[in-house]
Amino acid sequence: MVVKIDLSHLPIGLKSIIMNSQEFSSLTKDNHYDSNDELVCLEMPQESREEIIRILTVILSKSNIEGYSVVENMIDKNEIAILKSGDLEEIGIFICAHCGTPFQSHEQMMIHQRMHYIF
């Protein structure tokens, strides 16, 4: 299985930070690279999608990069993207501010967020 990481929404400086990080370099990459390094394909099964998401989140955290989220494509589960938090709503992804769970609509997110206030 191949997992695609879409870096097309990132500034060049942030792409290079991610691509040159030790954690990212340790991942097993497929031979397919976009000419602009905007789409990186990782060969599975050594790393799971959840592990790749965790690694990307750690890279953003270690680099003190705020305002970006690692999200999974809701249609193509084999694609992961790093998006600026404000851009998420524009492409139809709504993130719970309490736990980070992604939703396909604002209504789904609001219903979910009510659950956090019950306890």
N, C-alpha and C. Protein backbone atom coordinates (compact mmCIF):
# COMPACT_ATOMS: atom_id res chain seq x y z
N MET A 1 0.84 -1.18 0.00
CA MET A 1 0.00 0.00 0.00
C MET A 1 0.89 1.24 0.00
N VAL A 2 0.47 2.25 -0.73
CA VAL A 2 1.22 3.50 -0.81
C VAL A 2 0.38 4.61 -0.17
N VAL A 3 1.01 5.37 0.72
CA VAL A 3 0.35 6.52 1.34
C VAL A 3 0.93 7.77 0.71
N LYS A 4 0.04 8.66 0.26
CA LYS A 4 0.47 9.91 -0.38
C LYS A 4 0.41 11.04 0.64
N ILE A 5 1.46 11.84 0.66
CA ILE A 5 1.48 13.03 1.52
C ILE A 5 1.50 14.25 0.60
N ASP A 6 0.45 15.04 0.68
CA ASP A 6 0.31 16.22 -0.18
C ASP A 6 0.91 17.42 0.53
N LEU A 7 2.00 17.94 -0.04
CA LEU A 7 2.67 19.12 0.51
C LEU A 7 2.41 20.37 -0.33
N SER A 8 1.45 20.28 -1.25
CA SER A 8 1.24 21.37 -2.21
C SER A 8 0.69 22.64 -1.57
N HIS A 9 0.12 22.55 -0.38
CA HIS A 9 -0.47 23.73 0.25
C HIS A 9 0.50 24.45 1.17
N LEU A 10 1.77 24.01 1.19
CA LEU A 10 2.74 24.56 2.13
C LEU A 10 3.70 25.53 1.45
N PRO A 11 4.17 26.53 2.19
CA PRO A 11 5.23 27.40 1.66
C PRO A 11 6.52 26.60 1.47
N ILE A 12 7.38 27.06 0.59
CA ILE A 12 8.61 26.34 0.25
C ILE A 12 9.47 26.09 1.48
N GLY A 13 9.59 27.07 2.36
CA GLY A 13 10.41 26.91 3.56
C GLY A 13 9.91 25.79 4.46
N LEU A 14 8.60 25.69 4.61
CA LEU A 14 8.02 24.64 5.45
C LEU A 14 8.18 23.27 4.80
N LYS A 15 8.05 23.21 3.47
CA LYS A 15 8.28 21.93 2.76
C LYS A 15 9.68 21.43 3.02
N SER A 16 10.66 22.33 2.92
CA SER A 16 12.05 21.90 3.10
C SER A 16 12.32 21.46 4.53
N ILE A 17 11.69 22.12 5.51
CA ILE A 17 11.85 21.71 6.91
C ILE A 17 11.35 20.28 7.09
N ILE A 18 10.19 19.99 6.51
CA ILE A 18 9.62 18.65 6.64
C ILE A 18 10.45 17.62 5.89
N MET A 19 10.78 17.93 4.63
CA MET A 19 11.51 16.97 3.79
C MET A 19 12.91 16.68 4.34
N ASN A 20 13.53 17.65 5.00
CA ASN A 20 14.90 17.48 5.49
C ASN A 20 14.97 17.01 6.95
N SER A 21 13.82 16.84 7.59
CA SER A 21 13.84 16.42 8.99
C SER A 21 14.29 14.97 9.09
N GLN A 22 14.91 14.66 10.21
CA GLN A 22 15.42 13.30 10.43
C GLN A 22 14.27 12.30 10.47
N GLU A 23 13.16 12.66 11.10
CA GLU A 23 12.02 11.75 11.21
C GLU A 23 11.45 11.41 9.84
N PHE A 24 11.33 12.43 8.98
CA PHE A 24 10.77 12.21 7.64
C PHE A 24 11.73 11.41 6.77
N SER A 25 13.02 11.69 6.91
CA SER A 25 14.02 10.98 6.11
C SER A 25 14.06 9.50 6.43
N SER A 26 13.65 9.14 7.64
CA SER A 26 13.70 7.72 8.04
C SER A 26 12.55 6.90 7.46
N LEU A 27 11.51 7.56 6.92
CA LEU A 27 10.38 6.84 6.36
C LEU A 27 10.77 6.19 5.03
N THR A 28 10.18 5.04 4.75
CA THR A 28 10.43 4.32 3.50
C THR A 28 9.64 4.96 2.38
N LYS A 29 10.33 5.57 1.43
CA LYS A 29 9.65 6.28 0.34
C LYS A 29 9.56 5.40 -0.90
N ASP A 30 8.46 5.58 -1.63
CA ASP A 30 8.30 4.93 -2.92
C ASP A 30 9.14 5.72 -3.92
N ASN A 31 9.33 5.19 -5.10
CA ASN A 31 10.15 5.87 -6.10
C ASN A 31 9.42 7.00 -6.81
N HIS A 32 8.15 7.22 -6.50
CA HIS A 32 7.38 8.25 -7.18
C HIS A 32 7.47 9.58 -6.43
N TYR A 33 8.01 10.58 -7.07
CA TYR A 33 8.03 11.94 -6.52
C TYR A 33 7.51 12.88 -7.58
N ASP A 34 6.70 13.83 -7.17
CA ASP A 34 6.27 14.89 -8.07
C ASP A 34 7.50 15.77 -8.36
N SER A 35 7.52 16.39 -9.53
CA SER A 35 8.67 17.20 -9.89
C SER A 35 8.86 18.39 -8.95
N ASN A 36 7.81 18.83 -8.30
CA ASN A 36 7.90 19.96 -7.36
C ASN A 36 7.97 19.48 -5.91
N ASP A 37 8.13 18.20 -5.71
CA ASP A 37 8.13 17.61 -4.36
C ASP A 37 6.85 17.95 -3.61
N GLU A 38 5.74 18.08 -4.33
CA GLU A 38 4.48 18.41 -3.68
C GLU A 38 3.70 17.16 -3.27
N LEU A 39 4.04 16.04 -3.88
CA LEU A 39 3.37 14.79 -3.53
C LEU A 39 4.45 13.77 -3.24
N VAL A 40 4.50 13.31 -2.01
CA VAL A 40 5.48 12.30 -1.60
C VAL A 40 4.71 11.03 -1.33
N CYS A 41 5.16 9.93 -1.88
CA CYS A 41 4.51 8.65 -1.67
C CYS A 41 5.37 7.78 -0.77
N LEU A 42 4.74 7.22 0.25
CA LEU A 42 5.45 6.37 1.19
C LEU A 42 4.94 4.94 1.03
N GLU A 43 5.85 4.01 0.95
CA GLU A 43 5.51 2.60 0.81
C GLU A 43 5.13 2.05 2.18
N MET A 44 4.04 1.35 2.26
CA MET A 44 3.62 0.69 3.49
C MET A 44 4.10 -0.75 3.37
N PRO A 45 4.08 -1.63 4.29
CA PRO A 45 3.39 -1.57 5.57
C PRO A 45 4.27 -1.21 6.75
N GLN A 46 5.54 -0.87 6.56
CA GLN A 46 6.40 -0.58 7.71
C GLN A 46 5.80 0.52 8.59
N GLU A 47 5.26 1.54 8.00
CA GLU A 47 4.66 2.63 8.75
C GLU A 47 3.17 2.67 8.45
N SER A 48 2.37 2.81 9.47
CA SER A 48 0.93 2.93 9.26
C SER A 48 0.57 4.39 9.04
N ARG A 49 -0.63 4.62 8.54
CA ARG A 49 -1.10 6.01 8.33
C ARG A 49 -1.06 6.79 9.64
N GLU A 50 -1.51 6.15 10.71
CA GLU A 50 -1.53 6.84 12.00
C GLU A 50 -0.12 7.20 12.45
N GLU A 51 0.84 6.31 12.19
CA GLU A 51 2.23 6.58 12.55
C GLU A 51 2.79 7.74 11.72
N ILE A 52 2.45 7.79 10.44
CA ILE A 52 2.90 8.88 9.57
C ILE A 52 2.30 10.20 10.04
N ILE A 53 1.01 10.19 10.40
CA ILE A 53 0.37 11.40 10.92
C ILE A 53 1.07 11.84 12.20
N ARG A 54 1.38 10.89 13.07
CA ARG A 54 2.07 11.21 14.33
C ARG A 54 3.45 11.81 14.05
N ILE A 55 4.19 11.22 13.11
CA ILE A 55 5.53 11.72 12.77
C ILE A 55 5.45 13.13 12.22
N LEU A 56 4.50 13.40 11.32
CA LEU A 56 4.35 14.75 10.77
C LEU A 56 3.96 15.76 11.85
N THR A 57 3.11 15.34 12.77
CA THR A 57 2.72 16.21 13.87
C THR A 57 3.92 16.52 14.76
N VAL A 58 4.76 15.53 15.02
CA VAL A 58 5.97 15.72 15.82
C VAL A 58 6.92 16.69 15.11
N ILE A 59 7.07 16.55 13.80
CA ILE A 59 7.95 17.45 13.04
C ILE A 59 7.46 18.90 13.18
N LEU A 60 6.16 19.12 13.03
CA LEU A 60 5.61 20.47 13.16
C LEU A 60 5.84 21.00 14.58
N SER A 61 5.65 20.15 15.56
CA SER A 61 5.83 20.56 16.95
C SER A 61 7.29 20.88 17.27
N LYS A 62 8.20 20.00 16.86
CA LYS A 62 9.63 20.21 17.13
C LYS A 62 10.16 21.45 16.44
N SER A 63 9.59 21.78 15.29
CA SER A 63 10.03 22.93 14.52
C SER A 63 9.33 24.22 14.96
N ASN A 64 8.50 24.13 16.00
CA ASN A 64 7.74 25.27 16.51
C ASN A 64 6.88 25.92 15.43
N ILE A 65 6.27 25.08 14.60
CA ILE A 65 5.39 25.56 13.53
C ILE A 65 3.96 25.47 14.02
N GLU A 66 3.30 26.61 14.13
CA GLU A 66 1.92 26.65 14.62
C GLU A 66 0.99 27.06 13.50
N GLY A 67 -0.26 26.71 13.63
CA GLY A 67 -1.27 27.11 12.66
C GLY A 67 -1.44 26.13 11.51
N TYR A 68 -0.79 24.97 11.58
CA TYR A 68 -0.93 23.94 10.55
C TYR A 68 -1.42 22.65 11.19
N SER A 69 -2.21 21.90 10.45
CA SER A 69 -2.74 20.63 10.94
C SER A 69 -2.45 19.53 9.93
N VAL A 70 -2.21 18.34 10.45
CA VAL A 70 -2.03 17.15 9.62
C VAL A 70 -3.40 16.49 9.53
N VAL A 71 -3.92 16.36 8.31
CA VAL A 71 -5.27 15.82 8.13
C VAL A 71 -5.25 14.67 7.13
N GLU A 72 -6.21 13.78 7.30
CA GLU A 72 -6.38 12.65 6.41
C GLU A 72 -7.50 12.99 5.43
N ASN A 73 -7.29 12.69 4.15
CA ASN A 73 -8.32 12.91 3.15
C ASN A 73 -9.50 12.01 3.48
N MET A 74 -10.69 12.58 3.58
CA MET A 74 -11.86 11.80 3.97
C MET A 74 -12.38 10.92 2.83
N ILE A 75 -12.00 11.23 1.61
CA ILE A 75 -12.44 10.43 0.46
C ILE A 75 -11.39 9.38 0.12
N ASP A 76 -10.13 9.79 0.01
CA ASP A 76 -9.03 8.87 -0.26
C ASP A 76 -8.24 8.69 1.03
N LYS A 77 -8.50 7.61 1.74
CA LYS A 77 -7.89 7.37 3.06
C LYS A 77 -6.38 7.17 2.97
N ASN A 78 -5.84 7.01 1.78
CA ASN A 78 -4.39 6.84 1.62
C ASN A 78 -3.69 8.16 1.36
N GLU A 79 -4.39 9.27 1.50
CA GLU A 79 -3.77 10.58 1.29
C GLU A 79 -3.82 11.41 2.56
N ILE A 80 -2.69 12.00 2.88
CA ILE A 80 -2.54 12.85 4.06
C ILE A 80 -2.07 14.22 3.57
N ALA A 81 -2.56 15.28 4.18
CA ALA A 81 -2.13 16.63 3.80
C ALA A 81 -1.80 17.43 5.04
N ILE A 82 -0.94 18.40 4.87
CA ILE A 82 -0.66 19.37 5.93
C ILE A 82 -1.23 20.69 5.44
N LEU A 83 -2.19 21.21 6.20
CA LEU A 83 -2.91 22.40 5.77
C LEU A 83 -2.87 23.47 6.84
N LYS A 84 -2.90 24.71 6.40
CA LYS A 84 -3.01 25.83 7.33
C LYS A 84 -4.40 25.79 7.94
N SER A 85 -4.48 26.04 9.21
CA SER A 85 -5.75 25.87 9.93
C SER A 85 -6.91 26.63 9.28
N GLY A 86 -6.71 27.83 8.80
CA GLY A 86 -7.77 28.60 8.16
C GLY A 86 -8.22 28.03 6.84
N ASP A 87 -7.35 27.28 6.17
CA ASP A 87 -7.68 26.69 4.88
C ASP A 87 -8.55 25.45 5.01
N LEU A 88 -8.59 24.86 6.18
CA LEU A 88 -9.33 23.62 6.35
C LEU A 88 -10.81 23.79 6.04
N GLU A 89 -11.42 24.85 6.57
CA GLU A 89 -12.84 25.06 6.34
C GLU A 89 -13.14 25.33 4.87
N GLU A 90 -12.21 25.97 4.17
CA GLU A 90 -12.42 26.29 2.76
C GLU A 90 -12.55 25.03 1.91
N ILE A 91 -11.86 23.97 2.29
CA ILE A 91 -11.94 22.74 1.50
C ILE A 91 -12.89 21.71 2.13
N GLY A 92 -13.66 22.14 3.13
CA GLY A 92 -14.69 21.28 3.69
C GLY A 92 -14.26 20.36 4.80
N ILE A 93 -13.20 20.73 5.52
CA ILE A 93 -12.77 19.95 6.68
C ILE A 93 -12.91 20.84 7.91
N PHE A 94 -13.62 20.34 8.89
CA PHE A 94 -13.85 21.08 10.12
C PHE A 94 -13.24 20.29 11.26
N ILE A 95 -12.40 20.93 12.06
CA ILE A 95 -11.65 20.27 13.12
C ILE A 95 -12.20 20.68 14.48
N CYS A 96 -12.45 19.69 15.33
CA CYS A 96 -12.90 19.97 16.70
C CYS A 96 -11.76 20.64 17.45
N ALA A 97 -12.04 21.77 18.06
CA ALA A 97 -11.02 22.53 18.79
C ALA A 97 -10.60 21.82 20.07
N HIS A 98 -11.41 20.91 20.55
CA HIS A 98 -11.10 20.21 21.81
C HIS A 98 -10.23 18.99 21.62
N CYS A 99 -10.51 18.19 20.58
CA CYS A 99 -9.79 16.92 20.44
C CYS A 99 -9.12 16.73 19.07
N GLY A 100 -9.40 17.61 18.11
CA GLY A 100 -8.74 17.52 16.81
C GLY A 100 -9.40 16.56 15.83
N THR A 101 -10.56 16.04 16.13
CA THR A 101 -11.25 15.13 15.22
C THR A 101 -11.77 15.89 14.01
N PRO A 102 -11.53 15.37 12.78
CA PRO A 102 -12.02 16.05 11.57
C PRO A 102 -13.46 15.66 11.24
N PHE A 103 -14.19 16.62 10.66
CA PHE A 103 -15.58 16.39 10.25
C PHE A 103 -15.79 16.95 8.86
N GLN A 104 -16.80 16.41 8.16
CA GLN A 104 -17.10 16.84 6.80
C GLN A 104 -18.01 18.05 6.73
N SER A 105 -18.63 18.41 7.85
CA SER A 105 -19.50 19.58 7.83
C SER A 105 -19.43 20.29 9.18
N HIS A 106 -19.81 21.55 9.15
CA HIS A 106 -19.84 22.36 10.37
C HIS A 106 -20.88 21.79 11.35
N GLU A 107 -22.00 21.32 10.82
CA GLU A 107 -23.05 20.77 11.66
C GLU A 107 -22.57 19.53 12.41
N GLN A 108 -21.86 18.62 11.73
CA GLN A 108 -21.31 17.43 12.38
C GLN A 108 -20.37 17.82 13.51
N MET A 109 -19.53 18.81 13.25
CA MET A 109 -18.58 19.24 14.25
C MET A 109 -19.30 19.83 15.47
N MET A 110 -20.33 20.64 15.24
CA MET A 110 -21.06 21.27 16.35
C MET A 110 -21.76 20.21 17.21
N ILE A 111 -22.35 19.22 16.58
CA ILE A 111 -22.99 18.13 17.33
C ILE A 111 -21.95 17.40 18.17
N HIS A 112 -20.80 17.13 17.57
CA HIS A 112 -19.72 16.44 18.29
C HIS A 112 -19.22 17.29 19.46
N GLN A 113 -19.05 18.58 19.26
CA GLN A 113 -18.51 19.44 20.32
C GLN A 113 -19.43 19.53 21.53
N ARG A 114 -20.72 19.35 21.33
CA ARG A 114 -21.65 19.35 22.47
C ARG A 114 -21.30 18.23 23.44
N MET A 115 -20.76 17.13 22.91
CA MET A 115 -20.39 15.99 23.74
C MET A 115 -19.31 16.39 24.75
N HIS A 116 -18.41 17.28 24.36
CA HIS A 116 -17.33 17.69 25.26
C HIS A 116 -17.85 18.46 26.47
N TYR A 117 -18.99 19.11 26.32
CA TYR A 117 -19.53 19.92 27.41
C TYR A 117 -20.39 19.12 28.37
N ILE A 118 -20.75 17.89 28.01
CA ILE A 118 -21.60 17.06 28.88
C ILE A 118 -20.83 16.67 30.14
N PHE A 119 -19.56 16.37 29.97
CA PHE A 119 -18.77 15.86 31.09
C PHE A 119 -18.06 16.99 31.73
